[in-house]
Amino acid sequence: MSKTKHGSGKSLSIKRKLNDAEVSDKSKSPKRPKHNKQPKSDVVARQRPAEVDESIALMDPLLLTDHFAKSLRRCFPDGGAIAIEDQYLPTKAILDSTNFDKAHVTTNLPEFLETFSQNGKSELSTCEEETKPHTLVITSSGIRTADLTRALRTFHTKECQVAKLIAKHMKLQDNVEYMKKTKVGIAISTPVRLQDLIEAGAIQLDGLRRIVVDGSYRDEKKRTIFEMDELFRPLMALLNLDGIRRRYAVEESIKIMVF
């Protein structure tokens, strides 16, 4: 009986030595060279979907008008035909951007805007007074707002800023105060926050020249803003505000640009 116990103890002792040797060998193994960590923003950006709806770039104003109308009917399946038709956008409200031959991805947005601005970068980097941006960029989320703001920093100056108005992390009143004391040329946010700022008097429409709809971008669920009812409804409400809609037909008109 004692021999068996002694043999068992010997076996355990050998196992411990082997394990200790294994740990020792591992500790002596050469360390792998440390790689410089990528900036967190690059990692996050790589994790986000890069897909876009490529069909948007191919649509002329007539096709885009129809695309808006179809999305509107889908959003309001029980709405009256007349009530829905009243929200249809006129074809002349939409700028024809089919001659822009680059992909509708974030990094190309500055060039997209410059291409369809009469005086290019100088026009986009200039603004006259507080609460009167010349450009609204309407997108789907706070993260996307931040991405587009980084891309459009090329138009940001001390005298004319690019404003990131993220509803989730900023109180409406903070945005209102910022817009009232700062000259902003390009304001970027979701449709609900932008409409709230218009109604609060923090964004006035008489200086507005263009509304950019971030229409090609797909979120993590592969949806564009046209397919997100919770965003498309307020988007259409914004595009149909009296102060905006009546300027689709005048000489100094507001143009809708779908990126």
C-alpha atoms as a PDB file:
ATOM      1  CA  MET A   1       0.000   0.000   0.000  1.00  0.00           C
ATOM      2  CA  SER A   2       2.846   2.394   0.955  1.00  0.00           C
ATOM      3  CA  LYS A   3       4.647   1.637  -2.311  1.00  0.00           C
ATOM      4  CA  THR A   4       1.587   2.691  -4.293  1.00  0.00           C
ATOM      5  CA  LYS A   5       1.358   6.005  -2.403  1.00  0.00           C
ATOM      6  CA  HIS A   6       5.088   6.597  -2.813  1.00  0.00           C
ATOM      7  CA  GLY A   7       4.869   5.866  -6.562  1.00  0.00           C
ATOM      8  CA  SER A   8       1.910   8.218  -6.932  1.00  0.00           C
ATOM      9  CA  GLY A   9       3.780  11.012  -5.120  1.00  0.00           C
ATOM     10  CA  LYS A  10       6.792  10.497  -7.350  1.00  0.00           C
ATOM     11  CA  SER A  11       4.577  10.741 -10.443  1.00  0.00           C
ATOM     12  CA  LEU A  12       3.032  14.026  -9.242  1.00  0.00           C
ATOM     13  CA  SER A  13       6.489  15.400  -8.504  1.00  0.00           C
ATOM     14  CA  ILE A  14       7.650  14.598 -12.045  1.00  0.00           C
ATOM     15  CA  LYS A  15       4.552  16.269 -13.516  1.00  0.00           C
ATOM     16  CA  ARG A  16       5.185  19.399 -11.479  1.00  0.00           C
ATOM     17  CA  LYS A  17       8.789  19.543 -12.689  1.00  0.00           C
ATOM     18  CA  LEU A  18       7.687  19.136 -16.294  1.00  0.00           C
ATOM     19  CA  ASN A  19       5.104  21.887 -15.887  1.00  0.00           C
ATOM     20  CA  ASP A  20       7.664  24.140 -14.211  1.00  0.00           C
ATOM     21  CA  ALA A  21      10.118  23.471 -17.025  1.00  0.00           C
ATOM     22  CA  GLU A  22       7.438  24.306 -19.604  1.00  0.00           C
ATOM     23  CA  VAL A  23       6.670  27.613 -17.890  1.00  0.00           C
ATOM     24  CA  SER A  24      10.383  28.361 -17.647  1.00  0.00           C
ATOM     25  CA  ASP A  25      10.879  27.650 -21.357  1.00  0.00           C
ATOM     26  CA  LYS A  26       7.982  29.935 -22.230  1.00  0.00           C
ATOM     27  CA  SER A  27       9.403  32.711 -20.108  1.00  0.00           C
ATOM     28  CA  LYS A  28      12.746  32.363 -21.878  1.00  0.00           C
ATOM     29  CA  SER A  29      11.242  32.356 -25.353  1.00  0.00           C
ATOM     30  CA  PRO A  30      12.064  35.503 -27.330  1.00  0.00           C
ATOM     31  CA  LYS A  31       9.455  38.229 -27.024  1.00  0.00           C
ATOM     32  CA  ARG A  32       7.604  39.164 -30.147  1.00  0.00           C
ATOM     33  CA  PRO A  33       8.403  42.650 -31.353  1.00  0.00           C
ATOM     34  CA  LYS A  34       5.780  45.166 -30.311  1.00  0.00           C
ATOM     35  CA  HIS A  35       3.873  46.712 -33.153  1.00  0.00           C
ATOM     36  CA  ASN A  36       2.776  50.277 -32.920  1.00  0.00           C
ATOM     37  CA  LYS A  37      -0.877  50.344 -32.031  1.00  0.00           C
ATOM     38  CA  GLN A  38      -3.142  51.799 -34.676  1.00  0.00           C
ATOM     39  CA  PRO A  39      -5.051  54.890 -33.660  1.00  0.00           C
ATOM     40  CA  LYS A  40      -8.389  53.966 -32.148  1.00  0.00           C
ATOM     41  CA  SER A  41     -10.205  56.043 -34.751  1.00  0.00           C
ATOM     42  CA  ASP A  42      -8.621  53.993 -37.577  1.00  0.00           C
ATOM     43  CA  VAL A  43      -9.638  50.725 -35.922  1.00  0.00           C
ATOM     44  CA  VAL A  44     -13.196  51.911 -35.373  1.00  0.00           C
ATOM     45  CA  ALA A  45     -13.446  53.239 -38.905  1.00  0.00           C
ATOM     46  CA  ARG A  46     -12.255  49.909 -40.286  1.00  0.00           C
ATOM     47  CA  GLN A  47     -14.911  48.092 -38.284  1.00  0.00           C
ATOM     48  CA  ARG A  48     -17.690  50.238 -39.639  1.00  0.00           C
ATOM     49  CA  PRO A  49     -19.359  49.116 -42.851  1.00  0.00           C
ATOM     50  CA  ALA A  50     -17.860  50.639 -45.972  1.00  0.00           C
ATOM     51  CA  GLU A  51     -20.730  49.592 -48.189  1.00  0.00           C
ATOM     52  CA  VAL A  52     -22.676  52.141 -50.153  1.00  0.00           C
ATOM     53  CA  ASP A  53     -25.744  51.900 -52.333  1.00  0.00           C
ATOM     54  CA  GLU A  54     -24.020  52.432 -55.672  1.00  0.00           C
ATOM     55  CA  SER A  55     -27.316  52.926 -57.500  1.00  0.00           C
ATOM     56  CA  ILE A  56     -27.792  56.361 -55.878  1.00  0.00           C
ATOM     57  CA  ALA A  57     -24.862  57.851 -57.809  1.00  0.00           C
ATOM     58  CA  LEU A  58     -26.465  56.802 -61.093  1.00  0.00           C
ATOM     59  CA  MET A  59     -29.837  58.464 -60.448  1.00  0.00           C
ATOM     60  CA  ASP A  60     -30.686  61.717 -62.195  1.00  0.00           C
ATOM     61  CA  PRO A  61     -33.220  64.129 -60.613  1.00  0.00           C
ATOM     62  CA  LEU A  62     -36.192  62.308 -62.145  1.00  0.00           C
ATOM     63  CA  LEU A  63     -35.098  58.933 -60.772  1.00  0.00           C
ATOM     64  CA  LEU A  64     -34.231  60.417 -57.383  1.00  0.00           C
ATOM     65  CA  THR A  65     -37.631  62.104 -57.169  1.00  0.00           C
ATOM     66  CA  ASP A  66     -39.215  58.719 -57.808  1.00  0.00           C
ATOM     67  CA  HIS A  67     -36.909  57.104 -55.226  1.00  0.00           C
ATOM     68  CA  PHE A  68     -38.029  59.612 -52.590  1.00  0.00           C
ATOM     69  CA  ALA A  69     -41.681  59.043 -53.554  1.00  0.00           C
ATOM     70  CA  LYS A  70     -41.431  55.239 -53.330  1.00  0.00           C
ATOM     71  CA  SER A  71     -39.750  55.463 -49.926  1.00  0.00           C
ATOM     72  CA  LEU A  72     -42.471  57.856 -48.770  1.00  0.00           C
ATOM     73  CA  ARG A  73     -45.257  55.484 -49.835  1.00  0.00           C
ATOM     74  CA  ARG A  74     -43.519  52.611 -48.074  1.00  0.00           C
ATOM     75  CA  CYS A  75     -43.189  54.672 -44.879  1.00  0.00           C
ATOM     76  CA  PHE A  76     -46.864  55.608 -44.871  1.00  0.00           C
ATOM     77  CA  PRO A  77     -48.721  52.541 -46.208  1.00  0.00           C
ATOM     78  CA  ASP A  78     -51.965  53.673 -44.561  1.00  0.00           C
ATOM     79  CA  GLY A  79     -51.640  57.334 -45.493  1.00  0.00           C
ATOM     80  CA  GLY A  80     -54.080  58.952 -47.888  1.00  0.00           C
ATOM     81  CA  ALA A  81     -52.872  59.278 -51.465  1.00  0.00           C
ATOM     82  CA  ILE A  82     -53.409  63.049 -51.536  1.00  0.00           C
ATOM     83  CA  ALA A  83     -51.633  63.609 -48.207  1.00  0.00           C
ATOM     84  CA  ILE A  84     -48.640  61.593 -49.393  1.00  0.00           C
ATOM     85  CA  GLU A  85     -48.520  63.278 -52.801  1.00  0.00           C
ATOM     86  CA  ASP A  86     -48.370  66.662 -51.078  1.00  0.00           C
ATOM     87  CA  GLN A  87     -44.984  65.613 -49.698  1.00  0.00           C
ATOM     88  CA  TYR A  88     -43.510  64.559 -53.042  1.00  0.00           C
ATOM     89  CA  LEU A  89     -40.458  66.605 -53.942  1.00  0.00           C
ATOM     90  CA  PRO A  90     -40.442  68.549 -57.212  1.00  0.00           C
ATOM     91  CA  THR A  91     -37.856  67.268 -59.675  1.00  0.00           C
ATOM     92  CA  LYS A  92     -36.355  70.755 -60.028  1.00  0.00           C
ATOM     93  CA  ALA A  93     -35.468  70.712 -56.312  1.00  0.00           C
ATOM     94  CA  ILE A  94     -32.821  68.032 -56.882  1.00  0.00           C
ATOM     95  CA  LEU A  95     -29.427  68.812 -58.346  1.00  0.00           C
ATOM     96  CA  ASP A  96     -28.220  66.506 -61.113  1.00  0.00           C
ATOM     97  CA  SER A  97     -24.933  65.053 -59.850  1.00  0.00           C
ATOM     98  CA  THR A  98     -24.649  62.084 -62.204  1.00  0.00           C
ATOM     99  CA  ASN A  99     -21.515  63.530 -63.807  1.00  0.00           C
ATOM    100  CA  PHE A 100     -19.598  63.038 -60.546  1.00  0.00           C
ATOM    101  CA  ASP A 101     -17.666  59.904 -61.483  1.00  0.00           C
ATOM    102  CA  LYS A 102     -16.225  58.927 -58.084  1.00  0.00           C
ATOM    103  CA  ALA A 103     -17.732  56.598 -55.498  1.00  0.00           C
ATOM    104  CA  HIS A 104     -20.064  58.125 -52.919  1.00  0.00           C
ATOM    105  CA  VAL A 105     -17.773  57.287 -50.009  1.00  0.00           C
ATOM    106  CA  THR A 106     -16.914  59.560 -47.091  1.00  0.00           C
ATOM    107  CA  THR A 107     -13.500  60.671 -48.352  1.00  0.00           C
ATOM    108  CA  ASN A 108     -15.009  61.910 -51.626  1.00  0.00           C
ATOM    109  CA  LEU A 109     -17.666  64.129 -50.043  1.00  0.00           C
ATOM    110  CA  PRO A 110     -15.492  67.304 -50.039  1.00  0.00           C
ATOM    111  CA  GLU A 111     -14.772  66.929 -53.759  1.00  0.00           C
ATOM    112  CA  PHE A 112     -18.460  66.198 -54.405  1.00  0.00           C
ATOM    113  CA  LEU A 113     -19.426  69.501 -52.768  1.00  0.00           C
ATOM    114  CA  GLU A 114     -16.683  71.458 -54.529  1.00  0.00           C
ATOM    115  CA  THR A 115     -17.706  70.049 -57.906  1.00  0.00           C
ATOM    116  CA  PHE A 116     -21.206  71.458 -57.579  1.00  0.00           C
ATOM    117  CA  SER A 117     -20.361  74.768 -55.895  1.00  0.00           C
ATOM    118  CA  GLN A 118     -19.915  77.736 -58.195  1.00  0.00           C
ATOM    119  CA  ASN A 119     -16.774  78.997 -56.464  1.00  0.00           C
ATOM    120  CA  GLY A 120     -15.553  75.681 -55.098  1.00  0.00           C
ATOM    121  CA  LYS A 121     -13.643  75.563 -51.829  1.00  0.00           C
ATOM    122  CA  SER A 122     -13.640  79.335 -51.268  1.00  0.00           C
ATOM    123  CA  GLU A 123     -17.445  79.401 -51.354  1.00  0.00           C
ATOM    124  CA  LEU A 124     -17.745  76.447 -48.988  1.00  0.00           C
ATOM    125  CA  SER A 125     -15.240  77.971 -46.541  1.00  0.00           C
ATOM    126  CA  THR A 126     -17.002  81.336 -46.321  1.00  0.00           C
ATOM    127  CA  CYS A 127     -20.120  82.413 -44.443  1.00  0.00           C
ATOM    128  CA  GLU A 128     -21.703  85.757 -43.628  1.00  0.00           C
ATOM    129  CA  GLU A 129     -23.218  85.628 -40.153  1.00  0.00           C
ATOM    130  CA  GLU A 130     -24.301  83.490 -37.231  1.00  0.00           C
ATOM    131  CA  THR A 131     -27.284  81.093 -37.562  1.00  0.00           C
ATOM    132  CA  LYS A 132     -27.059  81.189 -41.361  1.00  0.00           C
ATOM    133  CA  PRO A 133     -25.247  78.121 -42.713  1.00  0.00           C
ATOM    134  CA  HIS A 134     -25.122  77.783 -46.483  1.00  0.00           C
ATOM    135  CA  THR A 135     -25.102  73.958 -46.309  1.00  0.00           C
ATOM    136  CA  LEU A 136     -26.976  71.367 -44.258  1.00  0.00           C
ATOM    137  CA  VAL A 137     -25.730  67.776 -44.322  1.00  0.00           C
ATOM    138  CA  ILE A 138     -28.384  65.309 -43.182  1.00  0.00           C
ATOM    139  CA  THR A 139     -27.222  61.902 -42.034  1.00  0.00           C
ATOM    140  CA  SER A 140     -28.370  58.924 -39.991  1.00  0.00           C
ATOM    141  CA  SER A 141     -26.510  58.882 -36.658  1.00  0.00           C
ATOM    142  CA  GLY A 142     -24.082  60.564 -34.302  1.00  0.00           C
ATOM    143  CA  ILE A 143     -21.214  58.323 -35.404  1.00  0.00           C
ATOM    144  CA  ARG A 144     -21.870  59.112 -39.039  1.00  0.00           C
ATOM    145  CA  THR A 145     -22.123  62.817 -38.188  1.00  0.00           C
ATOM    146  CA  ALA A 146     -18.642  62.627 -36.637  1.00  0.00           C
ATOM    147  CA  ASP A 147     -17.238  60.791 -39.676  1.00  0.00           C
ATOM    148  CA  LEU A 148     -18.602  63.372 -42.125  1.00  0.00           C
ATOM    149  CA  THR A 149     -17.416  66.254 -39.953  1.00  0.00           C
ATOM    150  CA  ARG A 150     -13.851  64.904 -40.074  1.00  0.00           C
ATOM    151  CA  ALA A 151     -14.083  64.588 -43.853  1.00  0.00           C
ATOM    152  CA  LEU A 152     -15.364  68.155 -44.241  1.00  0.00           C
ATOM    153  CA  ARG A 153     -12.760  69.765 -41.958  1.00  0.00           C
ATOM    154  CA  THR A 154     -11.065  70.995 -45.107  1.00  0.00           C
ATOM    155  CA  PHE A 155     -13.740  73.724 -45.229  1.00  0.00           C
ATOM    156  CA  HIS A 156     -13.372  74.650 -41.536  1.00  0.00           C
ATOM    157  CA  THR A 157     -11.839  78.033 -40.707  1.00  0.00           C
ATOM    158  CA  LYS A 158     -11.912  80.338 -37.685  1.00  0.00           C
ATOM    159  CA  GLU A 159     -14.290  82.629 -39.541  1.00  0.00           C
ATOM    160  CA  CYS A 160     -16.522  79.874 -40.925  1.00  0.00           C
ATOM    161  CA  GLN A 161     -16.824  76.608 -39.063  1.00  0.00           C
ATOM    162  CA  VAL A 162     -18.045  73.109 -39.869  1.00  0.00           C
ATOM    163  CA  ALA A 163     -20.473  72.192 -37.081  1.00  0.00           C
ATOM    164  CA  LYS A 164     -20.925  68.689 -35.674  1.00  0.00           C
ATOM    165  CA  LEU A 165     -24.343  68.735 -33.996  1.00  0.00           C
ATOM    166  CA  ILE A 166     -24.697  65.320 -32.363  1.00  0.00           C
ATOM    167  CA  ALA A 167     -28.073  64.986 -30.674  1.00  0.00           C
ATOM    168  CA  LYS A 168     -27.107  62.007 -28.498  1.00  0.00           C
ATOM    169  CA  HIS A 169     -24.212  63.732 -26.723  1.00  0.00           C
ATOM    170  CA  MET A 170     -25.209  67.398 -26.902  1.00  0.00           C
ATOM    171  CA  LYS A 171     -28.184  69.145 -25.394  1.00  0.00           C
ATOM    172  CA  LEU A 172     -30.349  71.056 -27.843  1.00  0.00           C
ATOM    173  CA  GLN A 173     -29.792  74.264 -25.884  1.00  0.00           C
ATOM    174  CA  ASP A 174     -26.011  73.829 -26.176  1.00  0.00           C
ATOM    175  CA  ASN A 175     -26.369  73.532 -29.959  1.00  0.00           C
ATOM    176  CA  VAL A 176     -28.656  76.570 -30.041  1.00  0.00           C
ATOM    177  CA  GLU A 177     -26.154  78.701 -28.110  1.00  0.00           C
ATOM    178  CA  TYR A 178     -23.271  77.500 -30.285  1.00  0.00           C
ATOM    179  CA  MET A 179     -25.090  78.329 -33.533  1.00  0.00           C
ATOM    180  CA  LYS A 180     -26.129  81.768 -32.270  1.00  0.00           C
ATOM    181  CA  LYS A 181     -22.603  82.838 -31.360  1.00  0.00           C
ATOM    182  CA  THR A 182     -20.616  81.078 -34.110  1.00  0.00           C
ATOM    183  CA  LYS A 183     -20.396  81.596 -37.849  1.00  0.00           C
ATOM    184  CA  VAL A 184     -21.121  78.167 -39.319  1.00  0.00           C
ATOM    185  CA  GLY A 185     -20.992  77.378 -43.027  1.00  0.00           C
ATOM    186  CA  ILE A 186     -21.773  73.651 -42.940  1.00  0.00           C
ATOM    187  CA  ALA A 187     -24.025  72.126 -40.272  1.00  0.00           C
ATOM    188  CA  ILE A 188     -24.110  68.330 -39.985  1.00  0.00           C
ATOM    189  CA  SER A 189     -26.653  66.295 -38.023  1.00  0.00           C
ATOM    190  CA  THR A 190     -29.700  64.036 -38.130  1.00  0.00           C
ATOM    191  CA  PRO A 191     -32.990  65.364 -39.538  1.00  0.00           C
ATOM    192  CA  VAL A 192     -34.713  65.670 -36.147  1.00  0.00           C
ATOM    193  CA  ARG A 193     -31.927  67.738 -34.564  1.00  0.00           C
ATOM    194  CA  LEU A 194     -31.656  70.021 -37.600  1.00  0.00           C
ATOM    195  CA  GLN A 195     -35.398  70.669 -37.610  1.00  0.00           C
ATOM    196  CA  ASP A 196     -35.304  71.370 -33.865  1.00  0.00           C
ATOM    197  CA  LEU A 197     -32.572  73.948 -34.459  1.00  0.00           C
ATOM    198  CA  ILE A 198     -34.565  75.566 -37.260  1.00  0.00           C
ATOM    199  CA  GLU A 199     -37.631  75.806 -35.033  1.00  0.00           C
ATOM    200  CA  ALA A 200     -35.495  77.262 -32.217  1.00  0.00           C
ATOM    201  CA  GLY A 201     -34.208  80.001 -34.526  1.00  0.00           C
ATOM    202  CA  ALA A 202     -30.641  78.684 -34.346  1.00  0.00           C
ATOM    203  CA  ILE A 203     -30.641  77.887 -38.071  1.00  0.00           C
ATOM    204  CA  GLN A 204     -32.185  80.473 -40.375  1.00  0.00           C
ATOM    205  CA  LEU A 205     -33.047  79.448 -43.889  1.00  0.00           C
ATOM    206  CA  ASP A 206     -32.550  82.618 -45.914  1.00  0.00           C
ATOM    207  CA  GLY A 207     -28.817  81.922 -46.320  1.00  0.00           C
ATOM    208  CA  LEU A 208     -29.256  78.236 -47.146  1.00  0.00           C
ATOM    209  CA  ARG A 209     -28.127  77.136 -50.624  1.00  0.00           C
ATOM    210  CA  ARG A 210     -27.895  73.375 -50.473  1.00  0.00           C
ATOM    211  CA  ILE A 211     -29.131  70.396 -48.473  1.00  0.00           C
ATOM    212  CA  VAL A 212     -26.962  67.298 -48.755  1.00  0.00           C
ATOM    213  CA  VAL A 213     -28.717  64.004 -48.027  1.00  0.00           C
ATOM    214  CA  ASP A 214     -26.295  61.234 -47.048  1.00  0.00           C
ATOM    215  CA  GLY A 215     -28.241  58.771 -49.171  1.00  0.00           C
ATOM    216  CA  SER A 216     -25.704  56.162 -50.341  1.00  0.00           C
ATOM    217  CA  TYR A 217     -24.313  55.198 -46.937  1.00  0.00           C
ATOM    218  CA  ARG A 218     -25.427  51.873 -45.449  1.00  0.00           C
ATOM    219  CA  ASP A 219     -25.405  51.293 -41.690  1.00  0.00           C
ATOM    220  CA  GLU A 220     -24.422  48.070 -39.911  1.00  0.00           C
ATOM    221  CA  LYS A 221     -27.827  46.641 -40.837  1.00  0.00           C
ATOM    222  CA  LYS A 222     -27.155  47.461 -44.501  1.00  0.00           C
ATOM    223  CA  ARG A 223     -29.848  50.155 -44.558  1.00  0.00           C
ATOM    224  CA  THR A 224     -29.680  53.539 -46.228  1.00  0.00           C
ATOM    225  CA  ILE A 225     -31.519  56.542 -44.814  1.00  0.00           C
ATOM    226  CA  PHE A 226     -34.283  55.829 -47.361  1.00  0.00           C
ATOM    227  CA  GLU A 227     -34.920  52.505 -45.605  1.00  0.00           C
ATOM    228  CA  MET A 228     -34.934  53.783 -42.008  1.00  0.00           C
ATOM    229  CA  ASP A 229     -38.497  54.867 -41.291  1.00  0.00           C
ATOM    230  CA  GLU A 230     -37.500  56.551 -38.033  1.00  0.00           C
ATOM    231  CA  LEU A 231     -35.174  58.835 -40.022  1.00  0.00           C
ATOM    232  CA  PHE A 232     -36.828  59.070 -43.412  1.00  0.00           C
ATOM    233  CA  ARG A 233     -40.076  60.464 -41.986  1.00  0.00           C
ATOM    234  CA  PRO A 234     -38.384  63.405 -40.226  1.00  0.00           C
ATOM    235  CA  LEU A 235     -36.154  63.857 -43.288  1.00  0.00           C
ATOM    236  CA  MET A 236     -39.226  64.397 -45.460  1.00  0.00           C
ATOM    237  CA  ALA A 237     -40.762  66.675 -42.833  1.00  0.00           C
ATOM    238  CA  LEU A 238     -37.602  68.789 -42.940  1.00  0.00           C
ATOM    239  CA  LEU A 239     -37.450  68.920 -46.740  1.00  0.00           C
ATOM    240  CA  ASN A 240     -41.102  70.016 -46.781  1.00  0.00           C
ATOM    241  CA  LEU A 241     -40.794  72.854 -44.258  1.00  0.00           C
ATOM    242  CA  ASP A 242     -42.425  75.978 -45.707  1.00  0.00           C
ATOM    243  CA  GLY A 243     -39.211  77.987 -45.506  1.00  0.00           C
ATOM    244  CA  ILE A 244     -37.415  75.328 -47.543  1.00  0.00           C
ATOM    245  CA  ARG A 245     -40.066  74.073 -49.949  1.00  0.00           C
ATOM    246  CA  ARG A 246     -41.034  77.517 -51.271  1.00  0.00           C
ATOM    247  CA  ARG A 247     -37.397  78.114 -52.246  1.00  0.00           C
ATOM    248  CA  TYR A 248     -37.217  75.113 -54.546  1.00  0.00           C
ATOM    249  CA  ALA A 249     -38.869  77.220 -57.253  1.00  0.00           C
ATOM    250  CA  VAL A 250     -37.240  80.643 -56.840  1.00  0.00           C
ATOM    251  CA  GLU A 251     -34.166  82.061 -58.564  1.00  0.00           C
ATOM    252  CA  GLU A 252     -31.884  81.800 -55.513  1.00  0.00           C
ATOM    253  CA  SER A 253     -33.106  78.310 -54.839  1.00  0.00           C
ATOM    254  CA  ILE A 254     -32.169  75.628 -52.344  1.00  0.00           C
ATOM    255  CA  LYS A 255     -30.906  72.504 -54.057  1.00  0.00           C
ATOM    256  CA  ILE A 256     -31.090  68.985 -52.651  1.00  0.00           C
ATOM    257  CA  MET A 257     -27.925  66.999 -53.316  1.00  0.00           C
ATOM    258  CA  VAL A 258     -28.020  63.259 -52.702  1.00  0.00           C
ATOM    259  CA  PHE A 259     -24.584  61.854 -51.911  1.00  0.00           C
END
